[in-house]
């Protein structure tokens, strides 16, 4: 009988030691009066999030669609009858951003709610001209040209850019650590890859188009201020160019802007 109690006592001690080894938290024994117990929190995981191992991740990559137009318009270098020849149909003038590459770097040691965001994207920008005009290079500046084919013709100015952002992003957990509202501010540098005008019209009941590629004295490099904010599936942005669309004295002074939403984020 004594041997049975000895074996049972040994099994209980072994089980207790095993249970102590599998605990994820280690708590010290009470010390002297007034001393607090010490909890070692390393490795604590809550709702799938590791507070010490997860890295900062920003919001740049994805497919975004927006509207763009011109602000602070100045046509003073043109005759009054030509003012506004680049007025756009805002609801049809679109910008599509394909932000395919993203880099994120946290700026905190013990948290991941503030960081830098950069990456690489392709921007396709289109301005639908409100009037039946297009533009061309004449001498040392651009000039409006009348190209009237039919009452339903469409005229637009399109450009493609390679974009590189540098944003500071702030994130705030909402109800759950993984659900975050964010605000990002910074600049986006862009390299113009191509530009063309296009006029679509009908002739003898056939669809025709006249496409003219050129640089139209537009800047090769562009710098824009940007603000982005969102929460979960709602993500919006706004940008404003820090320089005019055209080189000085080569065209009207127009500052492009855009506002849009994220269609897909990844």
Protein backbone atom coordinates (compact mmCIF):
# COMPACT_ATOMS: atom_id res chain seq x y z
CA UNK A 1 0.00 0.00 0.00
CA UNK A 2 2.87 2.40 0.81
CA UNK A 3 4.35 1.68 -2.63
CA UNK A 4 0.99 2.56 -4.25
CA UNK A 5 0.83 5.93 -2.43
CA UNK A 6 4.45 6.61 -3.38
CA UNK A 7 3.73 5.96 -7.08
CA UNK A 8 0.56 8.11 -6.96
CA UNK A 9 2.45 10.97 -5.29
CA UNK A 10 5.16 10.76 -7.94
CA UNK A 11 2.62 10.94 -10.77
CA UNK A 12 0.95 14.01 -9.22
CA UNK A 13 4.30 15.79 -8.87
CA UNK A 14 5.21 14.93 -12.47
CA UNK A 15 1.86 16.26 -13.75
CA UNK A 16 2.29 19.50 -11.78
CA UNK A 17 5.80 20.06 -13.19
CA UNK A 18 4.55 19.41 -16.74
CA UNK A 19 1.69 21.88 -16.30
CA UNK A 20 4.14 24.57 -15.15
CA UNK A 21 6.30 24.09 -18.25
CA UNK A 22 3.39 24.56 -20.66
CA UNK A 23 2.17 27.83 -19.14
CA UNK A 24 2.67 30.81 -21.48
CA UNK A 25 3.02 33.26 -18.54
CA UNK A 26 5.56 32.99 -15.76
CA UNK A 27 4.56 34.57 -12.46
CA UNK A 28 7.07 34.96 -9.65
CA UNK A 29 6.27 33.87 -6.12
CA UNK A 30 5.21 36.59 -3.68
CA UNK A 31 8.21 38.38 -2.30
CA UNK A 32 8.60 40.71 0.59
CA UNK A 33 5.72 42.86 1.73
CA UNK A 34 4.90 45.65 -0.71
CA UNK A 35 6.60 44.01 -3.70
CA UNK A 36 4.58 43.38 -6.86
CA UNK A 37 4.55 40.08 -8.68
CA UNK A 38 6.40 40.14 -12.02
CA UNK A 39 4.72 38.80 -15.14
CA UNK A 40 6.85 37.88 -18.16
CA UNK A 41 4.61 38.75 -21.11
CA UNK A 42 6.87 37.57 -23.95
CA UNK A 43 5.02 35.53 -26.53
CA UNK A 44 1.55 36.74 -25.57
CA UNK A 45 -0.78 36.54 -28.55
CA UNK A 46 -4.24 38.14 -28.49
CA UNK A 47 -6.78 37.46 -31.24
CA UNK A 48 -4.04 36.30 -33.57
CA UNK A 49 -1.94 39.49 -33.20
CA UNK A 50 1.54 39.37 -31.67
CA UNK A 51 2.23 42.72 -30.07
CA UNK A 52 6.01 42.29 -30.35
CA UNK A 53 6.49 40.57 -33.71
CA UNK A 54 3.97 42.12 -36.16
CA UNK A 55 5.45 44.82 -38.41
CA UNK A 56 3.96 48.11 -39.58
CA UNK A 57 2.06 47.87 -42.87
CA UNK A 58 0.86 50.95 -44.77
CA UNK A 59 -1.91 51.60 -47.30
CA UNK A 60 -0.57 52.31 -50.80
CA UNK A 61 -0.85 49.17 -52.91
CA UNK A 62 -4.09 48.57 -54.77
CA UNK A 63 -6.22 49.81 -57.65
CA UNK A 64 -7.63 53.32 -57.25
CA UNK A 65 -10.06 55.30 -59.38
CA UNK A 66 -10.68 59.03 -59.18
CA UNK A 67 -11.73 62.24 -60.88
CA UNK A 68 -9.29 64.98 -61.86
CA UNK A 69 -9.47 68.59 -62.95
CA UNK A 70 -7.63 71.91 -62.89
CA UNK A 71 -7.48 74.61 -60.20
CA UNK A 72 -6.16 78.19 -60.15
CA UNK A 73 -6.66 78.58 -63.90
CA UNK A 74 -4.84 81.51 -65.53
CA UNK A 75 -5.21 82.18 -69.28
CA UNK A 76 -3.84 85.72 -69.18
CA UNK A 77 -1.27 84.99 -71.92
CA UNK A 78 -4.08 84.23 -74.41
CA UNK A 79 -6.74 86.42 -76.03
CA UNK A 80 -9.95 86.63 -74.02
CA UNK A 81 -11.95 84.67 -76.60
CA UNK A 82 -9.60 81.69 -76.07
CA UNK A 83 -9.86 81.64 -72.28
CA UNK A 84 -10.97 78.27 -70.93
CA UNK A 85 -10.00 76.21 -73.97
CA UNK A 86 -8.83 73.48 -71.58
CA UNK A 87 -11.98 73.44 -69.45
CA UNK A 88 -12.74 69.82 -68.58
CA UNK A 89 -15.83 67.73 -68.00
CA UNK A 90 -15.03 66.84 -64.39
CA UNK A 91 -17.36 63.84 -64.11
CA UNK A 92 -15.76 62.18 -67.14
CA UNK A 93 -12.13 63.13 -66.49
CA UNK A 94 -10.72 60.12 -64.68
CA UNK A 95 -7.45 58.95 -63.18
CA UNK A 96 -6.62 55.27 -62.68
CA UNK A 97 -3.79 54.29 -60.31
CA UNK A 98 -2.27 50.82 -60.39
CA UNK A 99 -0.11 50.77 -57.24
CA UNK A 100 1.60 47.40 -57.53
CA UNK A 101 4.61 47.67 -55.19
CA UNK A 102 4.65 48.85 -51.57
CA UNK A 103 7.37 49.32 -48.96
CA UNK A 104 6.54 50.01 -45.30
CA UNK A 105 8.86 50.95 -42.43
CA UNK A 106 7.70 51.40 -38.85
CA UNK A 107 9.03 54.37 -36.87
CA UNK A 108 8.35 52.96 -33.37
CA UNK A 109 10.21 50.39 -31.30
CA UNK A 110 7.38 48.89 -29.27
CA UNK A 111 4.33 49.70 -31.40
CA UNK A 112 3.42 49.60 -35.08
CA UNK A 113 1.00 52.50 -35.57
CA UNK A 114 3.30 55.10 -37.21
CA UNK A 115 5.49 54.49 -40.22
CA UNK A 116 6.79 55.50 -43.64
CA UNK A 117 5.19 54.20 -46.83
CA UNK A 118 6.71 54.15 -50.31
CA UNK A 119 6.34 52.05 -53.43
CA UNK A 120 5.84 52.16 -57.18
CA UNK A 121 2.76 52.70 -59.30
CA UNK A 122 1.44 53.45 -62.77
CA UNK A 123 -1.02 56.32 -63.23
CA UNK A 124 -3.27 56.76 -66.28
CA UNK A 125 -4.70 60.27 -66.39
CA UNK A 126 -7.39 61.52 -68.79
CA UNK A 127 -8.97 64.97 -69.17
CA UNK A 128 -12.15 65.17 -71.25
CA UNK A 129 -12.22 68.65 -72.78
CA UNK A 130 -15.53 70.42 -72.34
CA UNK A 131 -15.33 72.33 -75.61
CA UNK A 132 -14.89 71.02 -79.15
CA UNK A 133 -11.20 71.84 -79.10
CA UNK A 134 -7.84 70.14 -78.90
CA UNK A 135 -4.31 71.53 -78.50
CA UNK A 136 -1.11 71.58 -80.52
CA UNK A 137 2.38 73.05 -80.25
CA UNK A 138 2.69 76.23 -82.27
CA UNK A 139 5.98 78.08 -82.01
CA UNK A 140 7.02 78.26 -78.39
CA UNK A 141 3.68 77.50 -76.72
CA UNK A 142 0.53 75.42 -77.05
CA UNK A 143 -2.47 76.75 -78.93
CA UNK A 144 -6.11 75.64 -79.06
CA UNK A 145 -7.30 74.21 -82.37
CA UNK A 146 -10.87 73.80 -83.55
CA UNK A 147 -11.57 70.30 -84.83
CA UNK A 148 -15.30 70.10 -85.43
CA UNK A 149 -16.48 66.90 -87.12
CA UNK A 150 -19.91 66.29 -85.62
CA UNK A 151 -22.02 67.35 -82.66
CA UNK A 152 -21.20 64.21 -80.66
CA UNK A 153 -17.43 64.23 -81.03
CA UNK A 154 -15.22 63.75 -77.96
CA UNK A 155 -11.86 65.34 -77.27
CA UNK A 156 -9.44 64.37 -74.52
CA UNK A 157 -5.88 64.83 -73.25
CA UNK A 158 -4.25 61.71 -71.74
CA UNK A 159 -0.95 61.01 -69.98
CA UNK A 160 0.76 58.05 -68.32
CA UNK A 161 3.02 58.49 -65.28
CA UNK A 162 5.31 56.33 -63.18
CA UNK A 163 4.70 57.27 -59.53
CA UNK A 164 6.77 56.96 -56.33
CA UNK A 165 5.20 58.07 -53.00
CA UNK A 166 6.77 59.06 -49.70
CA UNK A 167 4.07 59.17 -47.02
CA UNK A 168 3.93 59.30 -43.23
CA UNK A 169 1.04 57.16 -42.03
CA UNK A 170 -0.70 57.22 -38.64
CA UNK A 171 -2.94 54.32 -37.60
CA UNK A 172 -5.47 54.07 -34.75
CA UNK A 173 -6.94 50.69 -33.69
CA UNK A 174 -10.75 50.79 -33.57
CA UNK A 175 -12.48 48.22 -31.30
CA UNK A 176 -10.02 45.54 -32.42
CA UNK A 177 -6.24 45.86 -32.75
CA UNK A 178 -6.33 44.58 -36.31
CA UNK A 179 -9.06 47.02 -37.47
CA UNK A 180 -7.39 50.38 -37.93
CA UNK A 181 -8.37 53.80 -39.16
CA UNK A 182 -5.46 55.55 -40.84
CA UNK A 183 -4.31 58.93 -42.10
CA UNK A 184 -1.35 59.30 -44.46
CA UNK A 185 0.18 62.56 -45.69
CA UNK A 186 3.16 63.24 -47.92
CA UNK A 187 4.27 63.72 -51.51
CA UNK A 188 4.21 61.68 -54.71
CA UNK A 189 6.92 62.10 -57.35
CA UNK A 190 5.96 61.18 -60.92
CA UNK A 191 7.78 60.70 -64.23
CA UNK A 192 5.70 61.36 -67.33
CA UNK A 193 6.00 58.42 -69.71
CA UNK A 194 3.72 59.51 -72.58
CA UNK A 195 1.06 62.06 -73.54
CA UNK A 196 -1.39 62.31 -76.43
CA UNK A 197 -4.55 64.04 -77.54
CA UNK A 198 -7.43 62.12 -79.09
CA UNK A 199 -10.54 63.26 -80.93
CA UNK A 200 -13.30 60.69 -81.54
CA UNK A 201 -16.01 61.40 -84.10
CA UNK A 202 -18.26 59.84 -86.74
CA UNK A 203 -17.80 60.20 -90.47
CA UNK A 204 -20.12 58.52 -92.95
CA UNK A 205 -21.64 56.58 -90.00
CA UNK A 206 -18.23 55.15 -89.13
CA UNK A 207 -16.35 55.72 -85.88
CA UNK A 208 -13.10 57.57 -86.45
CA UNK A 209 -10.38 58.88 -84.15
CA UNK A 210 -7.48 61.27 -84.52
CA UNK A 211 -4.64 60.59 -82.07
CA UNK A 212 -1.66 62.94 -81.74
CA UNK A 213 1.25 62.01 -79.42
CA UNK A 214 3.50 64.81 -78.14
CA UNK A 215 4.80 66.30 -74.91
CA UNK A 216 2.78 69.53 -75.37
CA UNK A 217 5.33 71.38 -73.21
CA UNK A 218 4.20 69.46 -70.12
CA UNK A 219 6.68 68.88 -67.29
CA UNK A 220 8.59 65.60 -67.50
CA UNK A 221 8.66 65.33 -63.69
CA UNK A 222 5.87 66.21 -61.30
CA UNK A 223 5.56 66.55 -57.51
CA UNK A 224 2.16 66.34 -55.80
CA UNK A 225 0.95 66.66 -52.24
CA UNK A 226 -1.26 63.77 -51.13
CA UNK A 227 -3.64 62.92 -48.29
CA UNK A 228 -5.04 59.40 -47.83
CA UNK A 229 -7.40 58.14 -45.15
CA UNK A 230 -9.66 55.19 -44.55
CA UNK A 231 -11.03 52.46 -42.35
CA UNK A 232 -11.34 48.82 -43.39
CA UNK A 233 -13.02 48.75 -46.83
CA UNK A 234 -13.42 52.52 -47.19
CA UNK A 235 -10.29 54.24 -48.51
CA UNK A 236 -10.20 57.69 -50.11
CA UNK A 237 -7.47 60.06 -51.26
CA UNK A 238 -6.85 63.55 -52.63
CA UNK A 239 -3.84 65.01 -54.42
CA UNK A 240 -2.78 68.46 -55.61
CA UNK A 241 0.13 69.20 -57.94
CA UNK A 242 2.75 71.56 -56.52
CA UNK A 243 3.60 72.95 -59.97
CA UNK A 244 1.55 73.89 -63.06
CA UNK A 245 0.75 71.35 -65.77
CA UNK A 246 2.79 73.19 -68.43
CA UNK A 247 6.28 74.64 -68.43
CA UNK A 248 6.33 78.38 -67.65
CA UNK A 249 5.13 80.58 -70.52
CA UNK A 250 4.38 77.50 -72.67
CA UNK A 251 0.71 77.21 -71.84
CA UNK A 252 -2.01 78.39 -69.44
CA UNK A 253 -1.26 78.11 -65.74
CA UNK A 254 -3.27 75.12 -64.49
CA UNK A 255 -2.75 73.14 -61.27
CA UNK A 256 -4.03 69.54 -61.57
CA UNK A 257 -5.89 67.95 -58.65
CA UNK A 258 -7.60 64.59 -58.13
CA UNK A 259 -9.90 62.87 -55.63
CA UNK A 260 -10.75 59.18 -55.59
CA UNK A 261 -11.36 55.89 -53.83
CA UNK A 262 -9.69 52.50 -53.62
CA UNK A 263 -11.42 49.82 -55.68
CA UNK A 264 -9.13 47.04 -54.43
CA UNK A 265 -6.41 47.01 -51.78
CA UNK A 266 -3.70 44.39 -51.40
